[in-house]
Amino acid sequence: MPGIYGYVKNAKEYGSINNMSTILHHHKNFIKENNYEDNIFAASHIHLGNIKHHKGLFFRNGIYISIEGEQYDYSNSIFEDLMFNAYMENNLDYFLNKLDGYFNAIIYDSINKKVFLISDRYGMRMLYYYYKDGDFAFSGEVKGLFGLNFVDNEIDSNQIDVFMDLGYLLEDNTWHKHIKLIKPATILEFDITSKELTQRYYWKWSEINYSDMCFDEAVDRLGDLWLKSVEKRFSPNSNIGVSLSGGLDSRAIFAAINAIYPDSDGVAYTFGIPNCDDMRIAKQCVAQTKWTHREFYLTDNNWFEPRKDRIWFTDGMFNLKHMHGSEFLDEISELVKINMNGYAGDAILGGGWLDRIPLDTYPRDEFMSIFYGDYVHKCNFVDTFYDIKKIEPHLFMNRVRRFTNMGTVNSLTNIDQRKPFFDNKIVEFIYSLPDSYRQNNSLYSSMLLKFFPKFYKNIPWQNTGKTIDKKVSSSNTMKIIKKIKRIPFKLGLMQDSGYTNYIKWINEKNINHELHKILNSKNAFYSKYTNIDFEVKYLNKKFKGIRNYDEKILRATTIEIYLQKLNILKTTE
């Protein structure tokens, strides 16, 4: 989603806000608000019109404010008014510290000649900035910055290996050396006069206090908080839907909505291979309600081509393999305008990583290398932002923010998203408790069974094939058996029960030919930045042995297509 964008003027630029707008206005459904411009600063905002319903801009008493996203604490207030009042009362940090929302914002003080970029507490609304030689600019999409003739868009070749090995970039890095992602819970302040850039946190994980609440009390407390989180993000009178899978998280949202509004009749939708587990389980859930269920089918014919442009929309930082469902965004946006997203529920409530990390301790290289591999040294575990005896917060800001979150970014071109699992009170509560409460999904499952038995007692979990009241063995023997059973699926010899089948799809004649054409190193742009021949190393080896290379093949394809589209932009400027 383009969101907010702008820059501080200098002697090298001319008419650049319109150039930025042209690059960012890549969907016909976008609404562009009126430009703000004076002799030293220019900015604008492109949005979907679901949250903000007009093209007007906010400028009062010399203060320009633009916000991409929303807050959930003040239902009867205009967000820009709240931000303005907090700034004018010199109370901005305190206001943001308590605020529950999914947003980023720009404040331009034309009197004191300062620009402030603001991220939400968890930094899930992406906002990028350029700062070099005193020049400063920002954009909700990296590509918007290329509309400025003073921006140095040099590729950072060090990121090639990171993306190929991890599937995402780390910390604040992008493909470009001088373009960075704003940190979470941050106020980034640029002084136009001195050209100095400073950053401060308005909230840190260390502000969470530990609790001695017993497990049973925690189950009840979590259930209450969950219902409140969903309630303040959902209205039965709005065009809000649920992307429903066979997992626990989207179902938890769906169950809460139907507990709060039992007569609601919205739209739930599922995408995948016909008759996959996700489709089957989602149908069972919807059958308990008055809602409508829509199915969207992924096939070997419809997945690849639509995702090429999506690589550009996500600035090359999201592997096209994981763009599931983006093929149907135009259709889905005709049904719903806002999606209730089960984003990261398994990680926050389910403790999905707790079997791989020590409990209740600070992150260190030896613990984090299982996630970041050879790039663990590129991670900043000693940042004061993470001063809490929990490993997961760092994973949220990297593995989740830089990978999982890109799926949301991909969909924001068509549908706005709300993420109830990242409710401030839920996160604060969960991380006040001992990690052991969440081991083996205990706290989460107990809450779901107690509060929403209709949706969990008799309907299985796609991950295990069993209901969550049934214990699943985690012994090494069971893990080995599962791996052996997966071999035919990895070889593409059998149809999986999952919602995709990329092993088979990338071997289809037309797709395979296209992949060879894209990754041929003789003509590829990626060859300028790495000595690895992606075609030879990955594509030509994909079915040798039981190890599949589909993940790396499509990571490499993502990189090359992004570089191709970047070159097209450069040659048309």
Protein backbone atom coordinates (compact mmCIF):
# COMPACT_ATOMS: atom_id res chain seq x y z
CA MET A 1 0.00 0.00 0.00
CA PRO A 2 1.57 3.33 -1.02
CA GLY A 3 0.35 5.18 2.09
CA ILE A 4 2.10 8.42 2.99
CA TYR A 5 5.06 9.84 1.07
CA GLY A 6 7.04 13.04 0.68
CA TYR A 7 10.40 14.75 1.00
CA VAL A 8 12.31 17.79 2.16
CA LYS A 9 13.13 19.97 -0.83
CA ASN A 10 16.63 20.81 -1.97
CA ALA A 11 18.32 22.50 -4.91
CA LYS A 12 18.50 19.22 -6.83
CA GLU A 13 14.80 18.39 -7.08
CA TYR A 14 11.92 19.75 -9.11
CA GLY A 15 8.26 18.68 -9.33
CA SER A 16 9.08 15.45 -7.57
CA ILE A 17 5.91 14.92 -5.53
CA ASN A 18 4.06 14.30 -8.79
CA ASN A 19 6.74 11.84 -9.89
CA MET A 20 6.31 9.94 -6.63
CA SER A 21 2.54 9.92 -7.06
CA THR A 22 2.80 8.52 -10.59
CA ILE A 23 4.97 5.61 -9.45
CA LEU A 24 2.83 4.84 -6.41
CA HIS A 25 -0.58 5.12 -8.05
CA HIS A 26 -0.32 1.62 -9.53
CA HIS A 27 -3.91 0.52 -8.83
CA LYS A 28 -7.01 2.15 -10.29
CA ASN A 29 -8.89 1.71 -6.98
CA PHE A 30 -6.44 3.97 -5.12
CA ILE A 31 -7.53 7.37 -3.83
CA LYS A 32 -4.93 10.13 -3.82
CA GLU A 33 -5.43 12.99 -1.38
CA ASN A 34 -4.53 16.57 -2.23
CA ASN A 35 -0.83 17.38 -2.14
CA TYR A 36 0.64 19.49 0.62
CA GLU A 37 3.50 21.65 -0.59
CA ASP A 38 5.41 24.72 0.53
CA ASN A 39 8.85 26.04 -0.34
CA ILE A 40 10.75 23.45 1.73
CA PHE A 41 8.50 20.38 2.03
CA ALA A 42 6.05 18.32 -0.05
CA ALA A 43 3.89 15.31 0.84
CA SER A 44 0.81 13.36 -0.13
CA HIS A 45 -1.12 10.20 0.68
CA ILE A 46 -2.58 7.39 -1.42
CA HIS A 47 -5.09 5.09 0.26
CA LEU A 48 -8.00 2.72 -0.41
CA GLY A 49 -10.78 4.92 0.90
CA ASN A 50 -11.98 2.32 3.41
CA ILE A 51 -10.69 4.08 6.52
CA LYS A 52 -10.21 7.58 5.19
CA HIS A 53 -13.11 8.54 2.92
CA HIS A 54 -11.94 11.81 1.36
CA LYS A 55 -9.11 13.52 -0.51
CA GLY A 56 -8.67 16.39 1.90
CA LEU A 57 -5.51 17.01 3.89
CA PHE A 58 -4.96 18.06 7.51
CA PHE A 59 -3.16 21.39 8.03
CA ARG A 60 -3.76 23.45 11.16
CA ASN A 61 -1.71 26.18 12.85
CA GLY A 62 1.28 25.42 10.65
CA ILE A 63 1.12 21.67 11.30
CA TYR A 64 0.59 19.14 8.50
CA ILE A 65 -0.42 15.60 9.53
CA SER A 66 -1.12 12.55 7.41
CA ILE A 67 -1.83 9.07 8.74
CA GLU A 68 -1.93 5.71 6.98
CA GLY A 69 -4.03 3.29 9.03
CA GLU A 70 -6.14 3.57 12.14
CA GLN A 71 -6.29 3.53 15.95
CA TYR A 72 -8.73 1.54 18.09
CA ASP A 73 -8.92 3.41 21.40
CA TYR A 74 -10.95 6.52 20.53
CA SER A 75 -13.90 5.43 18.42
CA ASN A 76 -15.54 8.85 18.24
CA SER A 77 -12.42 10.91 17.51
CA ILE A 78 -10.59 11.87 14.33
CA PHE A 79 -7.11 10.38 14.41
CA GLU A 80 -5.42 13.50 12.99
CA ASP A 81 -7.07 15.63 15.70
CA LEU A 82 -5.74 13.31 18.40
CA MET A 83 -2.23 13.41 16.95
CA PHE A 84 -2.34 17.18 16.55
CA ASN A 85 -3.47 17.77 20.13
CA ALA A 86 -0.81 15.44 21.52
CA TYR A 87 1.90 17.20 19.51
CA MET A 88 0.78 20.72 20.41
CA GLU A 89 0.57 19.78 24.09
CA ASN A 90 4.10 18.34 23.95
CA ASN A 91 2.56 15.00 24.89
CA LEU A 92 3.24 12.97 21.74
CA ASP A 93 5.39 10.24 23.29
CA TYR A 94 2.91 9.57 26.10
CA PHE A 95 -0.04 9.52 23.71
CA LEU A 96 1.66 7.05 21.38
CA ASN A 97 2.92 4.90 24.26
CA LYS A 98 -0.64 3.94 25.20
CA LEU A 99 -2.18 3.93 21.72
CA ASP A 100 -3.49 0.71 20.20
CA GLY A 101 -3.41 0.89 16.43
CA TYR A 102 -2.07 -0.26 13.09
CA PHE A 103 -0.65 2.82 11.38
CA ASN A 104 2.21 5.10 10.44
CA ALA A 105 2.17 8.87 10.34
CA ILE A 106 3.95 12.05 9.27
CA ILE A 107 3.92 15.32 11.22
CA TYR A 108 5.45 18.34 9.51
CA ASP A 109 5.95 21.40 11.69
CA SER A 110 6.34 24.28 9.23
CA ILE A 111 7.04 26.75 12.04
CA ASN A 112 9.87 24.88 13.76
CA LYS A 113 10.94 23.27 10.48
CA LYS A 114 10.87 19.66 11.63
CA VAL A 115 9.54 16.43 10.15
CA PHE A 116 8.44 13.50 12.32
CA LEU A 117 7.87 9.98 11.00
CA ILE A 118 5.96 7.70 13.37
CA SER A 119 5.48 3.92 13.38
CA ASP A 120 2.94 1.98 15.41
CA ARG A 121 4.07 0.02 18.46
CA TYR A 122 5.01 -3.10 16.49
CA GLY A 123 5.96 -1.38 13.24
CA MET A 124 3.63 -3.50 11.14
CA ARG A 125 2.63 -0.66 8.78
CA MET A 126 5.71 -0.35 6.61
CA LEU A 127 7.29 3.08 6.14
CA TYR A 128 10.66 3.57 4.44
CA TYR A 129 12.96 6.55 4.50
CA TYR A 130 16.00 7.86 2.66
CA TYR A 131 18.69 9.84 4.45
CA LYS A 132 21.99 10.66 2.79
CA ASP A 133 24.11 13.81 2.60
CA GLY A 134 21.40 15.78 4.38
CA ASP A 135 18.66 14.74 1.96
CA PHE A 136 15.54 13.24 3.53
CA ALA A 137 12.49 11.53 2.01
CA PHE A 138 9.95 8.89 2.98
CA SER A 139 7.43 6.56 1.36
CA GLY A 140 5.10 3.71 2.28
CA GLU A 141 6.64 1.80 -0.63
CA VAL A 142 10.34 1.83 -1.49
CA LYS A 143 9.66 2.47 -5.17
CA GLY A 144 8.06 5.83 -4.41
CA LEU A 145 11.47 7.18 -3.45
CA PHE A 146 12.72 6.56 -6.98
CA GLY A 147 10.57 9.44 -8.17
CA LEU A 148 13.12 11.75 -6.53
CA ASN A 149 16.14 12.54 -8.66
CA PHE A 150 18.41 13.02 -5.64
CA VAL A 151 17.82 9.50 -4.26
CA ASP A 152 20.75 7.11 -4.57
CA ASN A 153 19.12 3.71 -5.19
CA GLU A 154 22.33 1.66 -5.17
CA ILE A 155 21.65 -2.06 -4.63
CA ASP A 156 23.07 -3.61 -1.46
CA SER A 157 24.49 -6.87 -2.82
CA ASN A 158 24.96 -8.20 0.73
CA GLN A 159 21.21 -8.69 0.94
CA ILE A 160 21.17 -11.28 -1.88
CA ASP A 161 22.55 -14.07 0.31
CA VAL A 162 20.35 -13.07 3.25
CA PHE A 163 17.18 -13.29 1.18
CA MET A 164 18.23 -16.51 -0.54
CA ASP A 165 19.04 -18.23 2.76
CA LEU A 166 16.32 -16.83 5.03
CA GLY A 167 13.59 -15.78 2.61
CA TYR A 168 13.39 -12.26 4.05
CA LEU A 169 15.60 -9.31 4.97
CA LEU A 170 16.64 -8.47 8.52
CA GLU A 171 16.26 -5.49 10.83
CA ASP A 172 15.75 -2.24 8.86
CA ASN A 173 17.40 -3.33 5.60
CA THR A 174 15.98 -3.13 2.08
CA TRP A 175 17.52 -4.00 -1.29
CA HIS A 176 18.99 -0.49 -1.36
CA LYS A 177 21.94 0.69 0.73
CA HIS A 178 20.53 4.09 1.61
CA ILE A 179 16.85 3.21 2.07
CA LYS A 180 15.78 1.87 5.46
CA LEU A 181 12.62 0.65 7.16
CA ILE A 182 11.52 2.69 10.16
CA LYS A 183 11.88 0.83 13.46
CA PRO A 184 8.82 -0.13 15.55
CA ALA A 185 7.45 2.17 18.28
CA THR A 186 9.56 4.96 16.82
CA ILE A 187 9.51 8.70 16.38
CA LEU A 188 12.03 9.60 13.69
CA GLU A 189 12.81 13.33 13.80
CA PHE A 190 14.46 15.24 10.96
CA ASP A 191 15.58 18.80 11.67
CA ILE A 192 15.35 20.64 8.35
CA THR A 193 17.67 23.43 9.47
CA SER A 194 20.51 21.29 10.84
CA LYS A 195 19.74 18.31 8.56
CA GLU A 196 20.18 16.00 11.54
CA LEU A 197 18.14 12.81 11.90
CA THR A 198 17.41 11.31 15.33
CA GLN A 199 15.37 8.33 16.45
CA ARG A 200 13.69 7.54 19.76
CA TYR A 201 11.36 4.83 21.04
CA TYR A 202 8.10 5.86 22.65
CA TRP A 203 7.53 2.32 23.99
CA LYS A 204 9.77 -0.65 24.87
CA TRP A 205 9.17 -4.28 25.78
CA SER A 206 10.74 -3.62 29.18
CA GLU A 207 7.58 -1.74 30.17
CA ILE A 208 5.75 -5.05 30.52
CA ASN A 209 5.60 -6.13 34.18
CA TYR A 210 5.68 -9.79 35.16
CA SER A 211 2.58 -11.41 36.65
CA ASP A 212 2.14 -14.32 39.08
CA MET A 213 -1.38 -15.09 37.85
CA CYS A 214 -2.23 -18.79 37.95
CA PHE A 215 -2.92 -20.72 34.75
CA ASP A 216 -6.69 -21.02 35.17
CA GLU A 217 -7.05 -17.31 35.85
CA ALA A 218 -4.89 -16.61 32.80
CA VAL A 219 -7.25 -18.66 30.61
CA ASP A 220 -10.23 -16.56 31.71
CA ARG A 221 -8.35 -13.30 31.41
CA LEU A 222 -7.12 -14.16 27.91
CA GLY A 223 -10.64 -15.05 26.79
CA ASP A 224 -11.99 -11.71 28.00
CA LEU A 225 -9.17 -9.76 26.35
CA TRP A 226 -9.62 -11.67 23.11
CA LEU A 227 -13.32 -10.87 22.88
CA LYS A 228 -12.62 -7.18 23.55
CA SER A 229 -9.85 -7.08 20.95
CA VAL A 230 -12.10 -8.51 18.26
CA GLU A 231 -15.06 -6.36 19.29
CA LYS A 232 -13.22 -3.07 18.90
CA ARG A 233 -12.00 -4.06 15.44
CA PHE A 234 -15.27 -5.42 14.05
CA SER A 235 -18.67 -3.96 13.31
CA PRO A 236 -21.51 -6.03 11.80
CA ASN A 237 -22.63 -2.94 9.89
CA SER A 238 -19.30 -2.57 8.07
CA ASN A 239 -18.05 -4.50 5.06
CA ILE A 240 -15.63 -6.63 7.10
CA GLY A 241 -14.82 -10.25 6.27
CA VAL A 242 -12.60 -13.05 7.56
CA SER A 243 -9.99 -14.97 5.57
CA LEU A 244 -10.70 -18.37 7.10
CA SER A 245 -8.27 -21.29 6.94
CA GLY A 246 -8.02 -24.63 8.70
CA GLY A 247 -5.80 -23.23 11.43
CA LEU A 248 -6.70 -21.95 14.87
CA ASP A 249 -6.11 -18.22 14.46
CA SER A 250 -8.57 -17.09 11.81
CA ARG A 251 -11.09 -19.44 13.41
CA ALA A 252 -10.53 -17.72 16.77
CA ILE A 253 -11.50 -14.43 15.14
CA PHE A 254 -14.50 -15.99 13.42
CA ALA A 255 -15.65 -17.64 16.66
CA ALA A 256 -15.30 -14.42 18.65
CA ILE A 257 -17.30 -12.44 16.08
CA ASN A 258 -20.10 -14.98 16.22
CA ALA A 259 -20.04 -15.01 20.02
CA ILE A 260 -20.36 -11.22 20.14
CA TYR A 261 -22.74 -10.92 17.18
CA PRO A 262 -24.52 -14.30 16.83
CA ASP A 263 -26.88 -12.95 14.17
CA SER A 264 -24.20 -11.42 11.96
CA ASP A 265 -24.09 -12.63 8.36
CA GLY A 266 -20.78 -11.60 6.83
CA VAL A 267 -18.49 -13.25 4.29
CA ALA A 268 -15.69 -15.68 5.09
CA TYR A 269 -13.39 -16.80 2.30
CA THR A 270 -10.78 -19.49 1.79
CA PHE A 271 -8.25 -20.11 -0.96
CA GLY A 272 -6.40 -23.30 -1.81
CA ILE A 273 -6.46 -26.50 -3.82
CA PRO A 274 -9.94 -28.02 -4.22
CA ASN A 275 -10.83 -30.33 -1.30
CA CYS A 276 -7.76 -29.37 0.73
CA ASP A 277 -7.97 -29.44 4.53
CA ASP A 278 -8.32 -25.67 4.74
CA MET A 279 -11.42 -25.69 2.53
CA ARG A 280 -13.00 -28.59 4.36
CA ILE A 281 -12.41 -27.23 7.86
CA ALA A 282 -13.46 -23.69 6.94
CA LYS A 283 -16.75 -25.07 5.59
CA GLN A 284 -17.38 -26.84 8.89
CA CYS A 285 -16.84 -23.61 10.80
CA VAL A 286 -19.06 -21.47 8.59
CA ALA A 287 -21.81 -24.10 8.75
CA GLN A 288 -22.20 -23.26 12.46
CA THR A 289 -23.20 -19.67 11.60
CA LYS A 290 -25.29 -17.45 9.33
CA TRP A 291 -22.23 -16.38 7.36
CA THR A 292 -21.55 -17.02 3.67
CA HIS A 293 -18.45 -18.96 2.60
CA ARG A 294 -16.61 -18.26 -0.65
CA GLU A 295 -13.91 -20.52 -2.07
CA PHE A 296 -11.08 -19.50 -4.39
CA TYR A 297 -9.09 -22.24 -6.08
CA LEU A 298 -5.36 -22.19 -6.74
CA THR A 299 -4.27 -24.16 -9.81
CA ASP A 300 -1.15 -24.68 -11.87
CA ASN A 301 -2.60 -22.23 -14.42
CA ASN A 302 -3.50 -19.22 -12.30
CA TRP A 303 -0.79 -18.75 -9.68
CA PHE A 304 2.34 -17.51 -11.48
CA GLU A 305 1.54 -14.64 -13.85
CA PRO A 306 -0.48 -12.47 -11.41
CA ARG A 307 2.38 -12.60 -8.91
CA LYS A 308 4.96 -10.98 -11.17
CA ASP A 309 3.49 -7.52 -10.62
CA ARG A 310 3.03 -8.35 -6.94
CA ILE A 311 6.81 -8.61 -6.65
CA TRP A 312 7.00 -4.95 -7.66
CA PHE A 313 4.16 -3.94 -5.35
CA THR A 314 6.02 -5.54 -2.40
CA ASP A 315 9.36 -4.01 -3.45
CA GLY A 316 10.96 -7.40 -4.10
CA MET A 317 10.98 -8.31 -0.41
CA PHE A 318 8.35 -11.07 -0.46
CA ASN A 319 8.97 -14.44 -2.09
CA LEU A 320 6.33 -14.96 -4.77
CA LYS A 321 5.85 -18.52 -3.48
CA HIS A 322 4.07 -17.16 -0.42
CA MET A 323 1.73 -14.75 -2.21
CA HIS A 324 -1.12 -17.22 -1.79
CA GLY A 325 -4.48 -15.72 -2.58
CA SER A 326 -3.22 -12.54 -4.20
CA GLU A 327 -4.56 -13.94 -7.48
CA PHE A 328 -8.06 -13.32 -6.14
CA LEU A 329 -7.71 -9.92 -4.49
CA ASP A 330 -9.78 -8.10 -7.11
CA GLU A 331 -12.64 -10.55 -6.59
CA ILE A 332 -12.35 -10.61 -2.82
CA SER A 333 -12.35 -6.80 -2.63
CA GLU A 334 -15.78 -6.87 -4.26
CA LEU A 335 -17.00 -8.90 -1.27
CA VAL A 336 -15.20 -7.23 1.65
CA LYS A 337 -13.29 -3.99 2.18
CA ILE A 338 -11.56 -4.92 5.43
CA ASN A 339 -10.24 -8.33 6.49
CA MET A 340 -9.94 -9.57 10.06
CA ASN A 341 -6.48 -11.11 9.90
CA GLY A 342 -5.23 -14.01 12.04
CA TYR A 343 -1.70 -12.67 11.65
CA ALA A 344 0.84 -14.20 14.09
CA GLY A 345 -1.74 -15.70 16.42
CA ASP A 346 0.12 -18.99 16.60
CA ALA A 347 3.32 -17.20 17.60
CA ILE A 348 1.79 -14.90 20.22
CA LEU A 349 -0.87 -17.06 21.87
CA GLY A 350 0.17 -20.50 20.67
CA GLY A 351 3.83 -20.24 21.61
CA GLY A 352 4.76 -21.74 18.26
CA TRP A 353 8.50 -21.19 18.78
CA LEU A 354 8.74 -22.27 22.41
CA ASP A 355 9.83 -25.83 21.61
CA ARG A 356 12.90 -24.40 19.87
CA ILE A 357 14.08 -21.76 22.34
CA PRO A 358 14.89 -21.50 26.06
CA LEU A 359 12.07 -20.03 28.11
CA ASP A 360 12.00 -16.67 29.87
CA THR A 361 15.44 -15.49 28.82
CA TYR A 362 17.10 -12.78 26.75
CA PRO A 363 17.93 -13.45 23.08
CA ARG A 364 21.55 -14.35 22.37
CA ASP A 365 23.45 -15.50 19.31
CA GLU A 366 23.48 -19.16 20.36
CA PHE A 367 19.70 -19.19 20.78
CA MET A 368 18.85 -17.21 17.66
CA SER A 369 21.13 -18.93 15.16
CA ILE A 370 18.46 -21.59 14.55
CA PHE A 371 16.36 -18.80 13.02
CA TYR A 372 18.96 -16.50 11.48
CA GLY A 373 21.76 -18.95 10.67
CA ASP A 374 24.97 -17.32 9.47
CA TYR A 375 23.32 -13.89 9.67
CA VAL A 376 22.74 -13.90 13.40
CA HIS A 377 25.56 -11.35 13.73
CA LYS A 378 23.50 -8.92 11.66
CA CYS A 379 20.82 -8.82 14.35
CA ASN A 380 20.82 -6.31 17.18
CA PHE A 381 19.77 -8.22 20.30
CA VAL A 382 21.16 -5.61 22.68
CA ASP A 383 18.90 -2.83 21.42
CA THR A 384 17.13 -1.40 24.47
CA PHE A 385 13.83 -2.02 22.68
CA TYR A 386 14.17 -5.75 23.50
CA ASP A 387 15.07 -5.44 27.19
CA ILE A 388 12.81 -8.25 28.40
CA LYS A 389 13.47 -11.87 29.35
CA LYS A 390 11.71 -13.17 26.27
CA ILE A 391 13.20 -14.28 22.97
CA GLU A 392 10.08 -13.86 20.85
CA PRO A 393 9.95 -10.04 20.60
CA HIS A 394 13.02 -10.03 18.39
CA LEU A 395 11.46 -12.70 16.19
CA PHE A 396 8.32 -10.59 15.93
CA MET A 397 10.32 -7.65 14.63
CA ASN A 398 12.24 -9.78 12.13
CA ARG A 399 10.81 -13.18 11.21
CA VAL A 400 7.23 -11.89 11.59
CA ARG A 401 7.57 -8.24 10.57
CA ARG A 402 9.91 -8.85 7.64
CA PHE A 403 8.38 -12.11 6.35
CA THR A 404 4.88 -12.93 7.61
CA ASN A 405 3.87 -9.28 7.51
CA MET A 406 4.74 -9.02 3.83
CA GLY A 407 1.71 -11.18 3.08
CA THR A 408 -0.38 -8.42 4.61
CA VAL A 409 1.53 -5.75 2.68
CA ASN A 410 0.79 -7.69 -0.50
CA SER A 411 -2.96 -7.58 0.15
CA LEU A 412 -3.12 -3.90 1.15
CA THR A 413 -3.38 -2.87 -2.48
CA ASN A 414 -7.00 -4.06 -2.37
CA ILE A 415 -8.17 -4.80 1.16
CA ASP A 416 -7.44 -3.12 4.48
CA GLN A 417 -6.43 -5.39 7.33
CA ARG A 418 -7.05 -5.56 11.08
CA LYS A 419 -4.89 -7.69 13.36
CA PRO A 420 -6.53 -8.49 16.72
CA PHE A 421 -3.69 -10.73 17.94
CA PHE A 422 -1.44 -7.66 18.13
CA ASP A 423 -3.82 -5.86 20.46
CA ASN A 424 -1.69 -4.00 23.02
CA LYS A 425 -3.46 -5.44 26.05
CA ILE A 426 -3.20 -8.99 24.74
CA VAL A 427 0.51 -8.69 23.99
CA GLU A 428 1.22 -7.03 27.35
CA PHE A 429 -0.73 -9.74 29.16
CA ILE A 430 0.81 -12.70 27.31
CA TYR A 431 4.37 -11.50 27.92
CA SER A 432 3.71 -10.83 31.58
CA LEU A 433 3.16 -14.58 32.04
CA PRO A 434 5.68 -17.43 32.28
CA ASP A 435 6.46 -18.86 28.85
CA SER A 436 5.57 -22.31 30.17
CA TYR A 437 1.87 -21.40 30.11
CA ARG A 438 2.00 -21.30 26.32
CA GLN A 439 4.06 -24.43 25.77
CA ASN A 440 2.37 -27.10 23.66
CA ASN A 441 -0.36 -24.59 22.84
CA SER A 442 -1.75 -25.07 26.38
CA LEU A 443 -3.03 -21.60 27.26
CA TYR A 444 -4.39 -20.90 23.78
CA SER A 445 -6.14 -24.26 23.43
CA SER A 446 -7.64 -24.04 26.90
CA MET A 447 -9.06 -20.60 26.17
CA LEU A 448 -10.47 -21.63 22.79
CA LEU A 449 -12.14 -24.75 24.17
CA LYS A 450 -13.64 -22.89 27.12
CA PHE A 451 -14.90 -19.82 25.27
CA PHE A 452 -15.69 -21.26 21.83
CA PRO A 453 -16.40 -25.01 22.18
CA LYS A 454 -18.74 -25.01 19.16
CA PHE A 455 -15.82 -24.21 16.87
CA TYR A 456 -13.09 -26.32 18.49
CA LYS A 457 -14.52 -29.32 20.33
CA ASN A 458 -15.48 -31.28 17.22
CA ILE A 459 -13.72 -29.47 14.36
CA PRO A 460 -10.07 -30.51 13.78
CA TRP A 461 -6.96 -28.39 13.53
CA GLN A 462 -5.40 -28.53 10.07
CA ASN A 463 -1.92 -28.75 11.61
CA THR A 464 -2.58 -32.08 13.36
CA GLY A 465 -5.76 -33.45 11.82
CA LYS A 466 -7.19 -33.75 15.33
CA THR A 467 -9.22 -31.53 17.62
CA ILE A 468 -7.16 -29.45 20.03
CA ASP A 469 -8.36 -31.37 23.09
CA LYS A 470 -6.45 -34.41 21.76
CA LYS A 471 -2.80 -34.66 22.71
CA VAL A 472 -0.43 -35.14 19.79
CA SER A 473 2.84 -36.97 20.37
CA SER A 474 5.94 -34.84 19.92
CA SER A 475 8.42 -37.71 20.25
CA ASN A 476 11.35 -38.02 17.89
CA THR A 477 9.83 -41.21 16.50
CA MET A 478 6.65 -39.39 15.48
CA LYS A 479 8.68 -36.61 13.89
CA ILE A 480 10.65 -39.14 11.84
CA ILE A 481 7.46 -40.88 10.73
CA LYS A 482 5.96 -37.55 9.64
CA LYS A 483 9.07 -36.72 7.60
CA ILE A 484 8.96 -40.10 5.86
CA LYS A 485 5.28 -39.61 5.02
CA ARG A 486 6.11 -36.22 3.50
CA ILE A 487 8.60 -37.64 0.96
CA PRO A 488 6.04 -38.43 -1.81
CA PHE A 489 4.58 -34.93 -1.50
CA LYS A 490 7.99 -33.29 -1.66
CA LEU A 491 8.78 -35.24 -4.79
CA GLY A 492 5.51 -34.12 -6.34
CA LEU A 493 4.35 -37.75 -6.66
CA MET A 494 1.19 -37.36 -4.60
CA GLN A 495 -1.39 -34.64 -3.95
CA ASP A 496 -0.88 -33.02 -0.56
CA SER A 497 -3.78 -32.11 1.72
CA GLY A 498 -2.35 -28.58 1.99
CA TYR A 499 -3.59 -25.63 -0.02
CA THR A 500 -0.69 -25.41 -2.52
CA ASN A 501 1.45 -27.75 -4.61
CA TYR A 502 4.44 -25.75 -5.82
CA ILE A 503 6.65 -28.80 -6.37
CA LYS A 504 4.26 -29.92 -9.09
CA TRP A 505 3.47 -26.45 -10.38
CA ILE A 506 7.03 -25.32 -11.06
CA ASN A 507 7.57 -28.46 -13.12
CA GLU A 508 4.69 -27.67 -15.45
CA LYS A 509 6.14 -27.16 -18.95
CA ASN A 510 5.21 -23.50 -19.47
CA ILE A 511 6.18 -22.40 -15.96
CA ASN A 512 9.42 -24.34 -16.04
CA HIS A 513 10.35 -22.76 -19.37
CA GLU A 514 9.57 -19.31 -17.98
CA LEU A 515 11.68 -19.93 -14.87
CA HIS A 516 14.67 -21.01 -16.96
CA LYS A 517 14.30 -17.88 -19.06
CA ILE A 518 14.16 -15.62 -15.99
CA LEU A 519 17.08 -17.24 -14.15
CA ASN A 520 19.45 -17.68 -17.10
CA SER A 521 22.56 -15.94 -15.80
CA LYS A 522 23.70 -14.74 -19.23
CA ASN A 523 20.95 -12.13 -19.37
CA ALA A 524 19.95 -11.85 -15.72
CA PHE A 525 20.36 -8.67 -13.69
CA TYR A 526 21.12 -10.66 -10.53
CA SER A 527 24.46 -11.68 -12.06
CA LYS A 528 25.71 -8.15 -11.38
CA TYR A 529 25.41 -8.73 -7.63
CA THR A 530 26.28 -12.39 -7.02
CA ASN A 531 28.57 -15.04 -8.50
CA ILE A 532 25.96 -17.74 -7.96
CA ASP A 533 24.18 -19.02 -11.05
CA PHE A 534 20.65 -19.49 -9.72
CA GLU A 535 19.53 -21.53 -12.72
CA VAL A 536 22.34 -24.05 -12.39
CA LYS A 537 22.42 -24.26 -8.60
CA TYR A 538 18.69 -24.47 -7.93
CA LEU A 539 16.45 -24.86 -10.95
CA ASN A 540 18.48 -27.62 -12.60
CA LYS A 541 18.66 -29.60 -9.35
CA LYS A 542 15.12 -29.36 -8.09
CA PHE A 543 14.27 -33.07 -8.30
CA LYS A 544 17.65 -34.64 -7.56
CA GLY A 545 17.14 -36.62 -4.37
CA ILE A 546 14.29 -36.00 -1.97
CA ARG A 547 15.26 -32.44 -1.18
CA ASN A 548 13.20 -29.91 -3.11
CA TYR A 549 14.39 -26.51 -4.21
CA ASP A 550 11.06 -24.78 -4.83
CA GLU A 551 11.60 -22.27 -2.03
CA LYS A 552 14.99 -21.15 -3.34
CA ILE A 553 13.94 -21.27 -6.98
CA LEU A 554 11.13 -18.84 -6.27
CA ARG A 555 13.26 -16.64 -4.00
CA ALA A 556 15.74 -16.28 -6.86
CA THR A 557 12.90 -15.58 -9.28
CA THR A 558 11.59 -12.88 -6.95
CA ILE A 559 14.97 -11.16 -6.88
CA GLU A 560 15.41 -11.23 -10.64
CA ILE A 561 11.91 -9.98 -11.46
CA TYR A 562 12.33 -7.11 -8.98
CA LEU A 563 15.63 -6.11 -10.59
CA GLN A 564 14.04 -6.31 -14.04
CA LYS A 565 11.19 -4.02 -13.03
CA LEU A 566 13.60 -1.65 -11.32
CA ASN A 567 15.57 -1.42 -14.57
CA ILE A 568 12.38 -0.67 -16.52
CA LEU A 569 11.63 2.20 -14.14
CA LYS A 570 15.15 3.58 -14.53
CA THR A 571 15.00 3.48 -18.32
CA THR A 572 11.61 5.23 -18.48
CA GLU A 573 12.50 8.10 -16.13
